[in-house]
Structure formats: structure tokens, C-alpha cells
PDB file of N, CA and C in Angstrom:
ATOM      1  N   MET A   1       5.491   0.666  23.045  1.00  0.00           N
ATOM      2  CA  MET A   1       4.527   1.157  21.114  1.00  0.00           C
ATOM      3  C   MET A   1       3.814  -0.699  21.281  1.00  0.00           C
ATOM      4  N   LYS A   2       2.897  -0.696  20.974  1.00  0.00           N
ATOM      5  CA  LYS A   2       1.755  -1.871  20.468  1.00  0.00           C
ATOM      6  C   LYS A   2       1.665  -2.177  19.358  1.00  0.00           C
ATOM      7  N   ARG A   3       2.637  -3.924  18.844  1.00  0.00           N
ATOM      8  CA  ARG A   3       2.885  -4.248  18.130  1.00  0.00           C
ATOM      9  C   ARG A   3       0.704  -4.906  16.850  1.00  0.00           C
ATOM     10  N   ARG A   4       0.930  -4.384  16.244  1.00  0.00           N
ATOM     11  CA  ARG A   4      -0.656  -5.284  15.313  1.00  0.00           C
ATOM     12  C   ARG A   4      -0.019  -5.905  14.340  1.00  0.00           C
ATOM     13  N   ARG A   5      -1.258  -6.229  13.935  1.00  0.00           N
ATOM     14  CA  ARG A   5      -1.082  -7.643  12.903  1.00  0.00           C
ATOM     15  C   ARG A   5      -0.893  -6.993  11.319  1.00  0.00           C
ATOM     16  N   VAL A   6      -0.178  -6.795  10.924  1.00  0.00           N
ATOM     17  CA  VAL A   6      -0.282  -6.437   9.327  1.00  0.00           C
ATOM     18  C   VAL A   6      -1.306  -7.534   7.777  1.00  0.00           C
ATOM     19  N   ARG A   7      -2.218  -6.765   7.586  1.00  0.00           N
ATOM     20  CA  ARG A   7      -2.860  -7.297   6.641  1.00  0.00           C
ATOM     21  C   ARG A   7      -2.970  -6.925   5.380  1.00  0.00           C
ATOM     22  N   ILE A   8      -2.807  -7.414   3.911  1.00  0.00           N
ATOM     23  CA  ILE A   8      -3.012  -7.207   2.977  1.00  0.00           C
ATOM     24  C   ILE A   8      -4.075  -7.564   2.263  1.00  0.00           C
ATOM     25  N   THR A   9      -4.971  -7.111   1.756  1.00  0.00           N
ATOM     26  CA  THR A   9      -6.531  -7.495   1.218  1.00  0.00           C
ATOM     27  C   THR A   9      -5.921  -7.258  -0.056  1.00  0.00           C
ATOM     28  N   ALA A  10      -7.130  -8.749  -0.561  1.00  0.00           N
ATOM     29  CA  ALA A  10      -7.218  -8.875  -2.540  1.00  0.00           C
ATOM     30  C   ALA A  10      -6.953  -8.204  -3.616  1.00  0.00           C
ATOM     31  N   ASP A  11      -7.525  -6.823  -2.967  1.00  0.00           N
ATOM     32  CA  ASP A  11      -7.254  -6.237  -4.057  1.00  0.00           C
ATOM     33  C   ASP A  11      -6.161  -5.707  -3.566  1.00  0.00           C
ATOM     34  N   ALA A  12      -5.748  -5.457  -3.305  1.00  0.00           N
ATOM     35  CA  ALA A  12      -4.242  -4.942  -2.846  1.00  0.00           C
ATOM     36  C   ALA A  12      -2.434  -5.884  -3.440  1.00  0.00           C
ATOM     37  N   GLU A  13      -3.088  -7.525  -2.737  1.00  0.00           N
ATOM     38  CA  GLU A  13      -2.790  -8.099  -3.389  1.00  0.00           C
ATOM     39  C   GLU A  13      -2.471  -7.930  -4.761  1.00  0.00           C
ATOM     40  N   THR A  14      -3.777  -7.890  -5.925  1.00  0.00           N
ATOM     41  CA  THR A  14      -3.635  -7.712  -7.348  1.00  0.00           C
ATOM     42  C   THR A  14      -3.204  -6.785  -7.324  1.00  0.00           C
ATOM     43  N   ASP A  15      -3.114  -5.756  -6.856  1.00  0.00           N
ATOM     44  CA  ASP A  15      -2.841  -4.280  -7.361  1.00  0.00           C
ATOM     45  C   ASP A  15      -0.762  -4.583  -7.679  1.00  0.00           C
ATOM     46  N   LEU A  16      -0.256  -5.605  -6.628  1.00  0.00           N
ATOM     47  CA  LEU A  16       0.707  -5.340  -6.480  1.00  0.00           C
ATOM     48  C   LEU A  16       1.310  -6.814  -7.401  1.00  0.00           C
ATOM     49  N   ASN A  17       0.149  -7.803  -7.897  1.00  0.00           N
ATOM     50  CA  ASN A  17       0.441  -8.410  -8.797  1.00  0.00           C
ATOM     51  C   ASN A  17       0.907  -7.240 -10.869  1.00  0.00           C
ATOM     52  N   ALA A  18      -0.500  -6.810 -10.663  1.00  0.00           N
ATOM     53  CA  ALA A  18      -0.183  -5.713 -11.458  1.00  0.00           C
ATOM     54  C   ALA A  18       1.083  -5.156 -11.450  1.00  0.00           C
ATOM     55  N   ILE A  19       1.619  -4.034 -10.050  1.00  0.00           N
ATOM     56  CA  ILE A  19       2.626  -3.457 -10.807  1.00  0.00           C
ATOM     57  C   ILE A  19       4.366  -4.444 -11.103  1.00  0.00           C
ATOM     58  N   TYR A  20       3.991  -5.731 -10.521  1.00  0.00           N
ATOM     59  CA  TYR A  20       4.982  -5.784 -10.651  1.00  0.00           C
ATOM     60  C   TYR A  20       4.804  -6.082 -12.528  1.00  0.00           C
ATOM     61  N   ASP A  21       3.928  -6.877 -12.866  1.00  0.00           N
ATOM     62  CA  ASP A  21       3.926  -7.222 -14.781  1.00  0.00           C
ATOM     63  C   ASP A  21       4.429  -4.972 -15.228  1.00  0.00           C
ATOM     64  N   TRP A  22       3.729  -4.305 -15.113  1.00  0.00           N
ATOM     65  CA  TRP A  22       4.432  -3.750 -15.557  1.00  0.00           C
ATOM     66  C   TRP A  22       5.843  -3.134 -15.147  1.00  0.00           C
ATOM     67  N   VAL A  23       6.455  -3.355 -14.268  1.00  0.00           N
ATOM     68  CA  VAL A  23       7.724  -3.017 -14.279  1.00  0.00           C
ATOM     69  C   VAL A  23       8.523  -3.520 -15.070  1.00  0.00           C
ATOM     70  N   SER A  24       8.224  -5.384 -14.442  1.00  0.00           N
ATOM     71  CA  SER A  24       8.621  -6.768 -14.664  1.00  0.00           C
ATOM     72  C   SER A  24       8.813  -6.600 -17.157  1.00  0.00           C
ATOM     73  N   SER A  25       7.800  -5.472 -17.282  1.00  0.00           N
ATOM     74  CA  SER A  25       7.822  -5.735 -18.819  1.00  0.00           C
ATOM     75  C   SER A  25       8.537  -3.869 -19.035  1.00  0.00           C
ATOM     76  N   ALA A  26       8.503  -3.001 -18.058  1.00  0.00           N
ATOM     77  CA  ALA A  26       9.756  -2.271 -18.336  1.00  0.00           C
ATOM     78  C   ALA A  26      11.211  -2.534 -18.312  1.00  0.00           C
ATOM     79  N   THR A  27      11.244  -2.770 -17.564  1.00  0.00           N
ATOM     80  CA  THR A  27      12.664  -3.560 -16.102  1.00  0.00           C
ATOM     81  C   THR A  27      13.767  -4.926 -16.056  1.00  0.00           C
ATOM     82  N   GLY A  28      12.519  -5.389 -16.193  1.00  0.00           N
ATOM     83  CA  GLY A  28      12.269  -7.031 -16.195  1.00  0.00           C
ATOM     84  C   GLY A  28      12.060  -7.817 -14.448  1.00  0.00           C
ATOM     85  N   ARG A  29      12.444  -8.613 -15.186  1.00  0.00           N
ATOM     86  CA  ARG A  29      12.154  -9.757 -13.596  1.00  0.00           C
ATOM     87  C   ARG A  29      12.207  -9.466 -12.710  1.00  0.00           C
ATOM     88  N   ALA A  30      13.604  -9.015 -12.282  1.00  0.00           N
ATOM     89  CA  ALA A  30      14.411  -8.857 -11.475  1.00  0.00           C
ATOM     90  C   ALA A  30      14.025  -7.575 -10.674  1.00  0.00           C
ATOM     91  N   VAL A  31      14.251  -7.304 -11.360  1.00  0.00           N
ATOM     92  CA  VAL A  31      13.769  -5.818 -11.111  1.00  0.00           C
ATOM     93  C   VAL A  31      12.411  -5.259 -10.269  1.00  0.00           C
ATOM     94  N   ALA A  32      11.629  -6.127 -11.294  1.00  0.00           N
ATOM     95  CA  ALA A  32      10.270  -6.500 -10.168  1.00  0.00           C
ATOM     96  C   ALA A  32      10.337  -7.391  -9.346  1.00  0.00           C
ATOM     97  N   ILE A  33      10.452  -7.521  -9.292  1.00  0.00           N
ATOM     98  CA  ILE A  33      10.657  -9.089  -7.641  1.00  0.00           C
ATOM     99  C   ILE A  33      11.051  -8.426  -6.831  1.00  0.00           C
ATOM    100  N   ALA A  34      12.510  -7.571  -6.871  1.00  0.00           N
ATOM    101  CA  ALA A  34      12.962  -6.218  -6.031  1.00  0.00           C
ATOM    102  C   ALA A  34      11.377  -5.381  -5.674  1.00  0.00           C
ATOM    103  N   TYR A  35      11.604  -4.678  -6.657  1.00  0.00           N
ATOM    104  CA  TYR A  35      10.276  -3.489  -6.389  1.00  0.00           C
ATOM    105  C   TYR A  35      10.069  -4.073  -5.125  1.00  0.00           C
ATOM    106  N   VAL A  36       7.729  -4.679  -5.613  1.00  0.00           N
ATOM    107  CA  VAL A  36       6.860  -5.609  -5.067  1.00  0.00           C
ATOM    108  C   VAL A  36       7.384  -5.548  -4.005  1.00  0.00           C
ATOM    109  N   ARG A  37       9.013  -6.685  -3.607  1.00  0.00           N
ATOM    110  CA  ARG A  37       9.675  -6.724  -1.795  1.00  0.00           C
ATOM    111  C   ARG A  37       9.385  -5.943  -1.069  1.00  0.00           C
ATOM    112  N   ARG A  38      10.502  -4.695  -2.015  1.00  0.00           N
ATOM    113  CA  ARG A  38      10.905  -3.306  -0.823  1.00  0.00           C
ATOM    114  C   ARG A  38       9.262  -3.025  -0.546  1.00  0.00           C
ATOM    115  N   ILE A  39       8.299  -2.431  -1.401  1.00  0.00           N
ATOM    116  CA  ILE A  39       7.146  -2.152  -0.793  1.00  0.00           C
ATOM    117  C   ILE A  39       6.622  -2.969  -0.097  1.00  0.00           C
ATOM    118  N   ARG A  40       6.339  -4.789  -0.614  1.00  0.00           N
ATOM    119  CA  ARG A  40       6.046  -5.443   1.247  1.00  0.00           C
ATOM    120  C   ARG A  40       7.223  -5.084   2.369  1.00  0.00           C
ATOM    121  N   ARG A  41       8.080  -4.913   2.047  1.00  0.00           N
ATOM    122  CA  ARG A  41       8.492  -4.864   3.724  1.00  0.00           C
ATOM    123  C   ARG A  41       8.775  -3.371   3.934  1.00  0.00           C
ATOM    124  N   PHE A  42       8.268  -2.463   3.631  1.00  0.00           N
ATOM    125  CA  PHE A  42       7.415  -0.802   3.419  1.00  0.00           C
ATOM    126  C   PHE A  42       6.002  -1.075   4.464  1.00  0.00           C
ATOM    127  N   CYS A  43       5.835  -2.031   4.029  1.00  0.00           N
ATOM    128  CA  CYS A  43       4.828  -2.115   5.313  1.00  0.00           C
ATOM    129  C   CYS A  43       4.054  -2.464   5.931  1.00  0.00           C
ATOM    130  N   PHE A  44       5.106  -3.997   5.930  1.00  0.00           N
ATOM    131  CA  PHE A  44       5.075  -4.899   6.995  1.00  0.00           C
ATOM    132  C   PHE A  44       5.554  -3.906   8.442  1.00  0.00           C
ATOM    133  N   GLY A  45       6.725  -2.848   8.008  1.00  0.00           N
ATOM    134  CA  GLY A  45       7.489  -2.105   9.326  1.00  0.00           C
ATOM    135  C   GLY A  45       6.200  -1.483   9.686  1.00  0.00           C
ATOM    136  N   PHE A  46       5.466  -1.256   9.428  1.00  0.00           N
ATOM    137  CA  PHE A  46       4.221  -0.427  10.976  1.00  0.00           C
ATOM    138  C   PHE A  46       3.681  -1.515  11.026  1.00  0.00           C
ATOM    139  N   ASP A  47       3.808  -2.267  11.524  1.00  0.00           N
ATOM    140  CA  ASP A  47       3.098  -3.544  12.530  1.00  0.00           C
ATOM    141  C   ASP A  47       3.653  -2.216  13.866  1.00  0.00           C
ATOM    142  N   LEU A  48       5.114  -1.173  13.789  1.00  0.00           N
ATOM    143  CA  LEU A  48       5.290  -1.135  15.039  1.00  0.00           C
ATOM    144  C   LEU A  48       4.043   0.439  15.315  1.00  0.00           C
ATOM    145  N   ALA A  49       4.940   0.778  13.968  1.00  0.00           N
ATOM    146  CA  ALA A  49       4.104   2.619  13.778  1.00  0.00           C
ATOM    147  C   ALA A  49       3.201   3.130  12.703  1.00  0.00           C
ATOM    148  N   ALA A  50       2.241   2.730  12.993  1.00  0.00           N
ATOM    149  CA  ALA A  50       0.969   2.954  11.748  1.00  0.00           C
ATOM    150  C   ALA A  50       0.688   3.904  11.773  1.00  0.00           C
ATOM    151  N   ALA A  51       0.657   4.714  12.611  1.00  0.00           N
ATOM    152  CA  ALA A  51       0.242   6.129  12.006  1.00  0.00           C
ATOM    153  C   ALA A  51       1.177   7.155  11.415  1.00  0.00           C
ATOM    154  N   ARG A  52       1.057   6.988  10.129  1.00  0.00           N
ATOM    155  CA  ARG A  52       1.668   7.334   9.539  1.00  0.00           C
ATOM    156  C   ARG A  52       0.433   7.422   8.368  1.00  0.00           C
ATOM    157  N   GLY A  53       0.956   8.575   7.445  1.00  0.00           N
ATOM    158  CA  GLY A  53       0.801   9.074   6.295  1.00  0.00           C
ATOM    159  C   GLY A  53      -0.698  10.305   6.688  1.00  0.00           C
ATOM    160  N   ALA A  54      -1.664  10.500   5.460  1.00  0.00           N
ATOM    161  CA  ALA A  54      -2.115  11.685   5.455  1.00  0.00           C
ATOM    162  C   ALA A  54      -3.376  11.155   5.946  1.00  0.00           C
ATOM    163  N   PRO A  55      -5.013  11.345   6.902  1.00  0.00           N
ATOM    164  CA  PRO A  55      -5.899  10.701   7.095  1.00  0.00           C
ATOM    165  C   PRO A  55      -6.724  11.406   5.416  1.00  0.00           C
ATOM    166  N   ARG A  56      -6.877  10.524   5.851  1.00  0.00           N
ATOM    167  CA  ARG A  56      -8.692  10.860   4.856  1.00  0.00           C
ATOM    168  C   ARG A  56      -9.994  10.114   4.869  1.00  0.00           C
ATOM    169  N   HIS A  57     -10.526  10.619   5.610  1.00  0.00           N
ATOM    170  CA  HIS A  57     -11.426  10.144   6.159  1.00  0.00           C
ATOM    171  C   HIS A  57     -12.975  10.906   6.043  1.00  0.00           C
ATOM    172  N   ASP A  58     -12.189  11.891   4.949  1.00  0.00           N
ATOM    173  CA  ASP A  58     -13.092  12.648   4.183  1.00  0.00           C
ATOM    174  C   ASP A  58     -13.718  11.411   3.032  1.00  0.00           C
ATOM    175  N   LEU A  59     -13.053  10.461   2.013  1.00  0.00           N
ATOM    176  CA  LEU A  59     -13.496   8.924   1.575  1.00  0.00           C
ATOM    177  C   LEU A  59     -13.922   7.967   2.157  1.00  0.00           C
ATOM    178  N   LEU A  60     -12.890   7.727   3.527  1.00  0.00           N
ATOM    179  CA  LEU A  60     -13.843   6.644   3.852  1.00  0.00           C
ATOM    180  C   LEU A  60     -13.632   6.485   5.741  1.00  0.00           C
ATOM    181  N   PRO A  61     -13.852   5.989   6.375  1.00  0.00           N
ATOM    182  CA  PRO A  61     -13.451   6.399   7.704  1.00  0.00           C
ATOM    183  C   PRO A  61     -12.235   6.048   7.998  1.00  0.00           C
ATOM    184  N   GLY A  62     -11.880   6.305   8.274  1.00  0.00           N
ATOM    185  CA  GLY A  62     -10.082   5.886   9.152  1.00  0.00           C
ATOM    186  C   GLY A  62      -8.837   5.636   7.722  1.00  0.00           C
ATOM    187  N   LEU A  63      -9.913   5.594   6.702  1.00  0.00           N
ATOM    188  CA  LEU A  63      -8.690   5.350   5.795  1.00  0.00           C
ATOM    189  C   LEU A  63      -6.941   6.729   5.336  1.00  0.00           C
ATOM    190  N   ARG A  64      -5.957   6.526   5.639  1.00  0.00           N
ATOM    191  CA  ARG A  64      -4.617   6.937   5.971  1.00  0.00           C
ATOM    192  C   ARG A  64      -3.859   6.873   4.162  1.00  0.00           C
ATOM    193  N   ILE A  65      -3.720   7.656   4.295  1.00  0.00           N
ATOM    194  CA  ILE A  65      -3.145   7.191   2.461  1.00  0.00           C
ATOM    195  C   ILE A  65      -1.396   7.484   2.483  1.00  0.00           C
ATOM    196  N   VAL A  66      -0.622   6.596   2.146  1.00  0.00           N
ATOM    197  CA  VAL A  66       1.282   7.118   2.509  1.00  0.00           C
ATOM    198  C   VAL A  66       1.368   6.948   0.562  1.00  0.00           C
ATOM    199  N   GLY A  67       2.462   6.932   1.123  1.00  0.00           N
ATOM    200  CA  GLY A  67       3.275   7.134  -0.470  1.00  0.00           C
ATOM    201  C   GLY A  67       4.926   6.304  -0.210  1.00  0.00           C
ATOM    202  N   PHE A  68       5.134   5.777  -1.336  1.00  0.00           N
ATOM    203  CA  PHE A  68       5.871   5.030  -0.866  1.00  0.00           C
ATOM    204  C   PHE A  68       7.700   4.985  -2.900  1.00  0.00           C
ATOM    205  N   GLU A  69       8.210   5.594  -2.164  1.00  0.00           N
ATOM    206  CA  GLU A  69       9.182   5.378  -3.549  1.00  0.00           C
ATOM    207  C   GLU A  69       8.903   6.732  -4.690  1.00  0.00           C
ATOM    208  N   ARG A  70       8.377   7.910  -4.324  1.00  0.00           N
ATOM    209  CA  ARG A  70       7.649   8.479  -4.991  1.00  0.00           C
ATOM    210  C   ARG A  70       6.947   7.827  -5.955  1.00  0.00           C
ATOM    211  N   ARG A  71       6.403   6.669  -5.892  1.00  0.00           N
ATOM    212  CA  ARG A  71       5.606   5.957  -7.217  1.00  0.00           C
ATOM    213  C   ARG A  71       4.463   5.840  -6.967  1.00  0.00           C
ATOM    214  N   ILE A  72       4.287   4.678  -5.779  1.00  0.00           N
ATOM    215  CA  ILE A  72       2.806   4.509  -5.319  1.00  0.00           C
ATOM    216  C   ILE A  72       2.631   5.322  -4.420  1.00  0.00           C
ATOM    217  N   THR A  73       0.616   5.751  -4.140  1.00  0.00           N
ATOM    218  CA  THR A  73       0.380   5.532  -3.163  1.00  0.00           C
ATOM    219  C   THR A  73      -0.353   4.973  -2.768  1.00  0.00           C
ATOM    220  N   ILE A  74       0.050   4.504  -1.396  1.00  0.00           N
ATOM    221  CA  ILE A  74      -0.892   3.278  -0.306  1.00  0.00           C
ATOM    222  C   ILE A  74      -1.984   3.332  -0.094  1.00  0.00           C
ATOM    223  N   ALA A  75      -2.534   2.810   0.194  1.00  0.00           N
ATOM    224  CA  ALA A  75      -4.390   2.931   1.077  1.00  0.00           C
ATOM    225  C   ALA A  75      -4.018   2.220   2.244  1.00  0.00           C
ATOM    226  N   PHE A  76      -4.913   2.843   3.217  1.00  0.00           N
ATOM    227  CA  PHE A  76      -4.750   1.687   3.929  1.00  0.00           C
ATOM    228  C   PHE A  76      -5.319   2.257   5.058  1.00  0.00           C
ATOM    229  N   THR A  77      -6.326   1.207   6.511  1.00  0.00           N
ATOM    230  CA  THR A  77      -6.598   1.588   7.044  1.00  0.00           C
ATOM    231  C   THR A  77      -5.557   0.935   8.632  1.00  0.00           C
ATOM    232  N   ILE A  78      -6.252   1.588   9.946  1.00  0.00           N
ATOM    233  CA  ILE A  78      -5.494   1.536  11.168  1.00  0.00           C
ATOM    234  C   ILE A  78      -6.703   0.598  12.177  1.00  0.00           C
ATOM    235  N   ASP A  79      -6.764  -0.300  13.544  1.00  0.00           N
ATOM    236  CA  ASP A  79      -7.593  -0.305  14.120  1.00  0.00           C
ATOM    237  C   ASP A  79      -6.577  -0.441  15.206  1.00  0.00           C
ATOM    238  N   ASP A  80      -6.769  -1.248  16.249  1.00  0.00           N
ATOM    239  CA  ASP A  80      -6.693  -1.718  17.449  1.00  0.00           C
ATOM    240  C   ASP A  80      -5.791  -2.934  17.536  1.00  0.00           C
ATOM    241  N   ASP A  81      -5.894  -4.004  16.683  1.00  0.00           N
ATOM    242  CA  ASP A  81      -4.833  -4.437  16.224  1.00  0.00           C
ATOM    243  C   ASP A  81      -4.663  -4.641  14.798  1.00  0.00           C
ATOM    244  N   THR A  82      -4.891  -4.347  14.701  1.00  0.00           N
ATOM    245  CA  THR A  82      -4.303  -4.651  12.130  1.00  0.00           C
ATOM    246  C   THR A  82      -4.271  -3.421  11.478  1.00  0.00           C
ATOM    247  N   VAL A  83      -3.692  -3.676  10.601  1.00  0.00           N
ATOM    248  CA  VAL A  83      -3.251  -2.275   9.798  1.00  0.00           C
ATOM    249  C   VAL A  83      -3.850  -3.330   8.532  1.00  0.00           C
ATOM    250  N   THR A  84      -4.791  -2.936   7.946  1.00  0.00           N
ATOM    251  CA  THR A  84      -5.286  -3.155   6.802  1.00  0.00           C
ATOM    252  C   THR A  84      -4.935  -2.629   5.580  1.00  0.00           C
ATOM    253  N   PHE A  85      -4.152  -3.052   4.421  1.00  0.00           N
ATOM    254  CA  PHE A  85      -3.804  -2.992   3.142  1.00  0.00           C
ATOM    255  C   PHE A  85      -4.693  -2.975   1.620  1.00  0.00           C
ATOM    256  N   LEU A  86      -5.443  -1.126   1.757  1.00  0.00           N
ATOM    257  CA  LEU A  86      -6.490  -1.264   1.003  1.00  0.00           C
ATOM    258  C   LEU A  86      -6.462  -2.166  -0.547  1.00  0.00           C
ATOM    259  N   ARG A  87      -4.510  -0.979  -1.143  1.00  0.00           N
ATOM    260  CA  ARG A  87      -4.723  -0.368  -2.091  1.00  0.00           C
ATOM    261  C   ARG A  87      -3.209   0.224  -2.182  1.00  0.00           C
ATOM    262  N   PHE A  88      -2.797  -0.548  -3.767  1.00  0.00           N
ATOM    263  CA  PHE A  88      -1.433   0.244  -4.075  1.00  0.00           C
ATOM    264  C   PHE A  88      -2.397   1.028  -4.880  1.00  0.00           C
ATOM    265  N   PHE A  89      -1.632   1.934  -5.536  1.00  0.00           N
ATOM    266  CA  PHE A  89      -2.167   3.078  -6.868  1.00  0.00           C
ATOM    267  C   PHE A  89       0.022   3.891  -7.557  1.00  0.00           C
ATOM    268  N   TYR A  90      -0.135   3.179  -8.306  1.00  0.00           N
ATOM    269  CA  TYR A  90       1.147   2.898  -9.464  1.00  0.00           C
ATOM    270  C   TYR A  90       1.009   4.045 -10.256  1.00  0.00           C
ATOM    271  N   GLY A  91       1.772   4.812  -9.751  1.00  0.00           N
ATOM    272  CA  GLY A  91       2.385   6.033 -10.513  1.00  0.00           C
ATOM    273  C   GLY A  91       1.454   7.705 -11.289  1.00  0.00           C
ATOM    274  N   GLY A  92       0.617   8.228 -10.621  1.00  0.00           N
ATOM    275  CA  GLY A  92      -0.571   8.932 -11.249  1.00  0.00           C
ATOM    276  C   GLY A  92      -2.065   8.109 -11.506  1.00  0.00           C
ATOM    277  N   GLN A  93      -2.157   6.847 -10.851  1.00  0.00           N
ATOM    278  CA  GLN A  93      -3.581   6.165 -10.763  1.00  0.00           C
ATOM    279  C   GLN A  93      -4.269   7.393 -10.423  1.00  0.00           C
ATOM    280  N   ASP A  94      -5.234   7.454 -10.266  1.00  0.00           N
ATOM    281  CA  ASP A  94      -6.553   8.804  -9.275  1.00  0.00           C
ATOM    282  C   ASP A  94      -6.559   8.157  -8.464  1.00  0.00           C
ATOM    283  N   TRP A  95      -6.451   7.446  -7.353  1.00  0.00           N
ATOM    284  CA  TRP A  95      -6.957   6.846  -6.288  1.00  0.00           C
ATOM    285  C   TRP A  95      -8.172   7.182  -5.403  1.00  0.00           C
ATOM    286  N   GLU A  96      -8.357   8.059  -5.683  1.00  0.00           N
ATOM    287  CA  GLU A  96      -9.596   9.241  -4.856  1.00  0.00           C
ATOM    288  C   GLU A  96     -11.374   8.871  -5.586  1.00  0.00           C
ATOM    289  N   ASP A  97     -10.158   7.972  -6.933  1.00  0.00           N
ATOM    290  CA  ASP A  97     -11.957   7.597  -7.584  1.00  0.00           C
ATOM    291  C   ASP A  97     -11.764   5.916  -6.791  1.00  0.00           C
ATOM    292  N   ALA A  98     -10.561   5.384  -6.372  1.00  0.00           N
ATOM    293  CA  ALA A  98     -11.143   4.194  -6.060  1.00  0.00           C
ATOM    294  C   ALA A  98     -12.421   4.196  -4.689  1.00  0.00           C
ATOM    295  N   PHE A  99     -12.149   5.112  -3.862  1.00  0.00           N
ATOM    296  CA  PHE A  99     -13.309   5.477  -2.601  1.00  0.00           C
ATOM    297  C   PHE A  99     -13.564   6.146  -2.165  1.00  0.00           C
ATOM    298  N   GLU A 100     -14.326   7.025  -3.579  1.00  0.00           N
ATOM    299  CA  GLU A 100     -16.043   7.401  -3.756  1.00  0.00           C
ATOM    300  C   GLU A 100     -16.791   6.919  -4.210  1.00  0.00           C
TER     301      GLU A 100
END
């Protein structure tokens, strides 16, 4: 099994910050920190098993979508060496429009 580098784009980092802000305002800072850490841990687990989720080549060549804890939709691509996380969408956001 090949190990890939995991990369989180600037847009995805912005999404994680927005998720942190939303969760923090609803439940508190400690819960938000733990939640974002779980998302990151999940993503960095793709280094060895990247071919997960549903392909959505109709929206963007190479795009794949996977869910996280039934609240986050994660958009990413895979190439020979890297898994690139493009965006994180929280709770019902219209993520398909972001790629059309």
C-alpha cells in the first residue's frame, strides 16, 4: 500500500475555521477544538487508504466526496502522490454548487 502526502487547501482551512466558529458558538470552545481535531485526524488517515468516498467526476475531474460523522461533507482529490482536501461543508450546505 502506497503512502500519500495529505494536503489541505487554503479554502479547506477557511472552511475548518468557519466550522470551528459555528461549533464554538453553539457548544463552546473545547468542543469545537475537539471536533476540528477529529476532522483533521480523519483526513490524515487518508495517507494510506485514499480511495474512499464517492467519485463525482461529473462536477470536477478526480473529485471524490466522503462524509464525516453525518454532519460534514468532505471534497477531495487523489493523485499518485497526494490527497488534496479541497473543501469541508457543514450540515446541509449546497456543496455541489461550489464545483459547478
